[in-house]
């Protein structure tokens, strides 16, 4: 029964998720990489 609850929570989170960003350290500065989901399409992004 606990497995069903966990799966349900994961599905709800995935339905609300818009994307994700991760902080990266380059040679001279920090930047972020990640993706955003728009409909069924996933767009990769880099932020300086």
PDB file of N, CA and C in Angstrom:
ATOM      1  N   UNK A   1       0.820  -1.188   0.000  1.00  0.00           N
ATOM      2  CA  UNK A   1       0.000   0.000   0.000  1.00  0.00           C
ATOM      3  C   UNK A   1       0.867   1.257   0.000  1.00  0.00           C
ATOM      4  N   UNK A   2       1.971   1.226   0.676  1.00  0.00           N
ATOM      5  CA  UNK A   2       2.875   2.373   0.710  1.00  0.00           C
ATOM      6  C   UNK A   2       3.442   2.668  -0.678  1.00  0.00           C
ATOM      7  N   UNK A   3       3.706   1.620  -1.464  1.00  0.00           N
ATOM      8  CA  UNK A   3       4.242   1.808  -2.808  1.00  0.00           C
ATOM      9  C   UNK A   3       3.269   2.583  -3.690  1.00  0.00           C
ATOM     10  N   UNK A   4       1.976   2.289  -3.564  1.00  0.00           N
ATOM     11  CA  UNK A   4       0.976   2.994  -4.362  1.00  0.00           C
ATOM     12  C   UNK A   4       0.937   4.476  -4.011  1.00  0.00           C
ATOM     13  N   UNK A   5       1.048   4.794  -2.729  1.00  0.00           N
ATOM     14  CA  UNK A   5       1.041   6.188  -2.300  1.00  0.00           C
ATOM     15  C   UNK A   5       2.258   6.913  -2.848  1.00  0.00           C
ATOM     16  N   UNK A   6       3.420   6.284  -2.792  1.00  0.00           N
ATOM     17  CA  UNK A   6       4.653   6.897  -3.300  1.00  0.00           C
ATOM     18  C   UNK A   6       4.550   7.138  -4.804  1.00  0.00           C
ATOM     19  N   UNK A   7       4.024   6.165  -5.545  1.00  0.00           N
ATOM     20  CA  UNK A   7       3.864   6.306  -6.992  1.00  0.00           C
ATOM     21  C   UNK A   7       2.906   7.445  -7.309  1.00  0.00           C
ATOM     22  N   UNK A   8       1.828   7.549  -6.554  1.00  0.00           N
ATOM     23  CA  UNK A   8       0.852   8.608  -6.760  1.00  0.00           C
ATOM     24  C   UNK A   8       1.480   9.977  -6.520  1.00  0.00           C
ATOM     25  N   UNK A   9       2.276  10.113  -5.452  1.00  0.00           N
ATOM     26  CA  UNK A   9       2.932  11.385  -5.163  1.00  0.00           C
ATOM     27  C   UNK A   9       3.923  11.740  -6.262  1.00  0.00           C
ATOM     28  N   UNK A  10       4.665  10.772  -6.763  1.00  0.00           N
ATOM     29  CA  UNK A  10       5.621  11.022  -7.840  1.00  0.00           C
ATOM     30  C   UNK A  10       4.900  11.495  -9.094  1.00  0.00           C
ATOM     31  N   UNK A  11       3.776  10.885  -9.410  1.00  0.00           N
ATOM     32  CA  UNK A  11       3.011  11.270 -10.592  1.00  0.00           C
ATOM     33  C   UNK A  11       2.482  12.691 -10.453  1.00  0.00           C
ATOM     34  N   UNK A  12       1.990  13.043  -9.254  1.00  0.00           N
ATOM     35  CA  UNK A  12       1.482  14.394  -9.033  1.00  0.00           C
ATOM     36  C   UNK A  12       2.606  15.410  -9.207  1.00  0.00           C
ATOM     37  N   UNK A  13       3.782  15.124  -8.675  1.00  0.00           N
ATOM     38  CA  UNK A  13       4.919  16.039  -8.801  1.00  0.00           C
ATOM     39  C   UNK A  13       5.297  16.195 -10.267  1.00  0.00           C
ATOM     40  N   UNK A  14       5.330  15.109 -10.994  1.00  0.00           N
ATOM     41  CA  UNK A  14       5.709  15.157 -12.401  1.00  0.00           C
ATOM     42  C   UNK A  14       4.701  15.984 -13.209  1.00  0.00           C
ATOM     43  N   UNK A  15       3.436  15.920 -12.842  1.00  0.00           N
ATOM     44  CA  UNK A  15       2.410  16.711 -13.529  1.00  0.00           C
ATOM     45  C   UNK A  15       2.604  18.206 -13.301  1.00  0.00           C
ATOM     46  N   UNK A  16       3.126  18.593 -12.130  1.00  0.00           N
ATOM     47  CA  UNK A  16       3.310  20.006 -11.795  1.00  0.00           C
ATOM     48  C   UNK A  16       4.677  20.540 -12.193  1.00  0.00           C
ATOM     49  N   UNK A  17       5.629  19.679 -12.436  1.00  0.00           N
ATOM     50  CA  UNK A  17       6.998  20.104 -12.735  1.00  0.00           C
ATOM     51  C   UNK A  17       7.067  20.838 -14.074  1.00  0.00           C
ATOM     52  N   UNK A  18       7.750  21.985 -14.092  1.00  0.00           N
ATOM     53  CA  UNK A  18       7.942  22.758 -15.318  1.00  0.00           C
ATOM     54  C   UNK A  18       9.335  22.573 -15.892  1.00  0.00           C
ATOM     55  N   UNK A  19      10.288  22.213 -15.044  1.00  0.00           N
ATOM     56  CA  UNK A  19      11.663  22.045 -15.489  1.00  0.00           C
ATOM     57  C   UNK A  19      12.603  21.986 -14.308  1.00  0.00           C
ATOM     58  N   UNK A  20      13.897  22.062 -14.611  1.00  0.00           N
ATOM     59  CA  UNK A  20      14.904  22.005 -13.553  1.00  0.00           C
ATOM     60  C   UNK A  20      16.169  22.707 -14.019  1.00  0.00           C
ATOM     61  N   UNK A  21      16.879  23.314 -13.064  1.00  0.00           N
ATOM     62  CA  UNK A  21      18.159  23.960 -13.344  1.00  0.00           C
ATOM     63  C   UNK A  21      19.194  23.453 -12.351  1.00  0.00           C
ATOM     64  N   UNK A  22      20.433  23.298 -12.815  1.00  0.00           N
ATOM     65  CA  UNK A  22      21.536  22.871 -11.966  1.00  0.00           C
ATOM     66  C   UNK A  22      22.654  23.887 -12.079  1.00  0.00           C
ATOM     67  N   UNK A  23      23.249  24.233 -10.959  1.00  0.00           N
ATOM     68  CA  UNK A  23      24.371  25.167 -10.924  1.00  0.00           C
ATOM     69  C   UNK A  23      25.648  24.438 -11.325  1.00  0.00           C
ATOM     70  N   UNK A  24      26.413  25.052 -12.232  1.00  0.00           N
ATOM     71  CA  UNK A  24      27.667  24.477 -12.717  1.00  0.00           C
ATOM     72  C   UNK A  24      28.788  25.483 -12.496  1.00  0.00           C
ATOM     73  N   UNK A  25      29.989  25.004 -12.278  1.00  0.00           N
ATOM     74  CA  UNK A  25      31.144  25.890 -12.133  1.00  0.00           C
ATOM     75  C   UNK A  25      32.043  25.719 -13.346  1.00  0.00           C
ATOM     76  N   UNK A  26      32.216  26.822 -14.090  1.00  0.00           N
ATOM     77  CA  UNK A  26      33.097  26.821 -15.248  1.00  0.00           C
ATOM     78  C   UNK A  26      34.487  27.281 -14.860  1.00  0.00           C
ATOM     79  N   UNK A  27      35.309  27.511 -15.862  1.00  0.00           N
ATOM     80  CA  UNK A  27      36.682  27.951 -15.626  1.00  0.00           C
ATOM     81  C   UNK A  27      36.733  29.300 -14.909  1.00  0.00           C
ATOM     82  N   UNK A  28      35.943  30.261 -15.395  1.00  0.00           N
ATOM     83  CA  UNK A  28      36.002  31.618 -14.854  1.00  0.00           C
ATOM     84  C   UNK A  28      34.734  32.082 -14.146  1.00  0.00           C
ATOM     85  N   UNK A  29      33.617  31.393 -14.335  1.00  0.00           N
ATOM     86  CA  UNK A  29      32.372  31.832 -13.707  1.00  0.00           C
ATOM     87  C   UNK A  29      31.399  30.674 -13.536  1.00  0.00           C
ATOM     88  N   UNK A  30      30.348  30.944 -12.793  1.00  0.00           N
ATOM     89  CA  UNK A  30      29.308  29.944 -12.580  1.00  0.00           C
ATOM     90  C   UNK A  30      28.170  30.169 -13.574  1.00  0.00           C
ATOM     91  N   UNK A  31      27.489  29.102 -13.927  1.00  0.00           N
ATOM     92  CA  UNK A  31      26.349  29.185 -14.824  1.00  0.00           C
ATOM     93  C   UNK A  31      25.378  28.067 -14.466  1.00  0.00           C
ATOM     94  N   UNK A  32      24.193  28.075 -15.071  1.00  0.00           N
ATOM     95  CA  UNK A  32      23.196  27.040 -14.807  1.00  0.00           C
ATOM     96  C   UNK A  32      22.820  26.350 -16.108  1.00  0.00           C
ATOM     97  N   UNK A  33      22.595  25.058 -16.011  1.00  0.00           N
ATOM     98  CA  UNK A  33      22.106  24.277 -17.141  1.00  0.00           C
ATOM     99  C   UNK A  33      20.854  23.536 -16.695  1.00  0.00           C
ATOM    100  N   UNK A  34      20.027  23.185 -17.645  1.00  0.00           N
ATOM    101  CA  UNK A  34      18.826  22.446 -17.289  1.00  0.00           C
ATOM    102  C   UNK A  34      17.875  22.326 -18.456  1.00  0.00           C
ATOM    103  N   UNK A  35      16.595  22.183 -18.116  1.00  0.00           N
ATOM    104  CA  UNK A  35      15.567  22.033 -19.145  1.00  0.00           C
ATOM    105  C   UNK A  35      14.240  22.587 -18.641  1.00  0.00           C
ATOM    106  N   UNK A  36      13.377  22.930 -19.590  1.00  0.00           N
ATOM    107  CA  UNK A  36      12.005  23.310 -19.311  1.00  0.00           C
ATOM    108  C   UNK A  36      11.112  22.468 -20.206  1.00  0.00           C
ATOM    109  N   UNK A  37       9.991  22.028 -19.661  1.00  0.00           N
ATOM    110  CA  UNK A  37       9.038  21.241 -20.431  1.00  0.00           C
ATOM    111  C   UNK A  37       7.851  22.120 -20.799  1.00  0.00           C
ATOM    112  N   UNK A  38       7.573  22.177 -22.092  1.00  0.00           N
ATOM    113  CA  UNK A  38       6.423  22.912 -22.596  1.00  0.00           C
ATOM    114  C   UNK A  38       5.583  21.915 -23.373  1.00  0.00           C
ATOM    115  N   UNK A  39       4.450  21.535 -22.799  1.00  0.00           N
ATOM    116  CA  UNK A  39       3.642  20.480 -23.400  1.00  0.00           C
ATOM    117  C   UNK A  39       4.417  19.178 -23.363  1.00  0.00           C
ATOM    118  N   UNK A  40       4.557  18.528 -24.505  1.00  0.00           N
ATOM    119  CA  UNK A  40       5.319  17.278 -24.593  1.00  0.00           C
ATOM    120  C   UNK A  40       6.763  17.526 -25.001  1.00  0.00           C
ATOM    121  N   UNK A  41       7.125  18.783 -25.261  1.00  0.00           N
ATOM    122  CA  UNK A  41       8.466  19.121 -25.729  1.00  0.00           C
ATOM    123  C   UNK A  41       9.359  19.543 -24.566  1.00  0.00           C
ATOM    124  N   UNK A  42      10.593  19.052 -24.552  1.00  0.00           N
ATOM    125  CA  UNK A  42      11.572  19.422 -23.528  1.00  0.00           C
ATOM    126  C   UNK A  42      12.659  20.262 -24.185  1.00  0.00           C
ATOM    127  N   UNK A  43      12.835  21.487 -23.676  1.00  0.00           N
ATOM    128  CA  UNK A  43      13.812  22.424 -24.229  1.00  0.00           C
ATOM    129  C   UNK A  43      14.988  22.563 -23.270  1.00  0.00           C
ATOM    130  N   UNK A  44      16.213  22.314 -23.755  1.00  0.00           N
ATOM    131  CA  UNK A  44      17.407  22.478 -22.935  1.00  0.00           C
ATOM    132  C   UNK A  44      17.788  23.949 -22.881  1.00  0.00           C
ATOM    133  N   UNK A  45      18.302  24.404 -21.717  1.00  0.00           N
ATOM    134  CA  UNK A  45      18.696  25.801 -21.547  1.00  0.00           C
ATOM    135  C   UNK A  45      20.041  25.903 -20.831  1.00  0.00           C
ATOM    136  N   UNK A  46      20.750  27.004 -21.111  1.00  0.00           N
ATOM    137  CA  UNK A  46      21.984  27.364 -20.413  1.00  0.00           C
ATOM    138  C   UNK A  46      21.834  28.825 -20.017  1.00  0.00           C
ATOM    139  N   UNK A  47      22.070  29.149 -18.740  1.00  0.00           N
ATOM    140  CA  UNK A  47      21.918  30.509 -18.225  1.00  0.00           C
ATOM    141  C   UNK A  47      23.266  30.996 -17.718  1.00  0.00           C
ATOM    142  N   UNK A  48      23.714  32.145 -18.240  1.00  0.00           N
ATOM    143  CA  UNK A  48      24.975  32.748 -17.802  1.00  0.00           C
ATOM    144  C   UNK A  48      24.689  33.937 -16.923  1.00  0.00           C
TER     145      UNK A  48
END
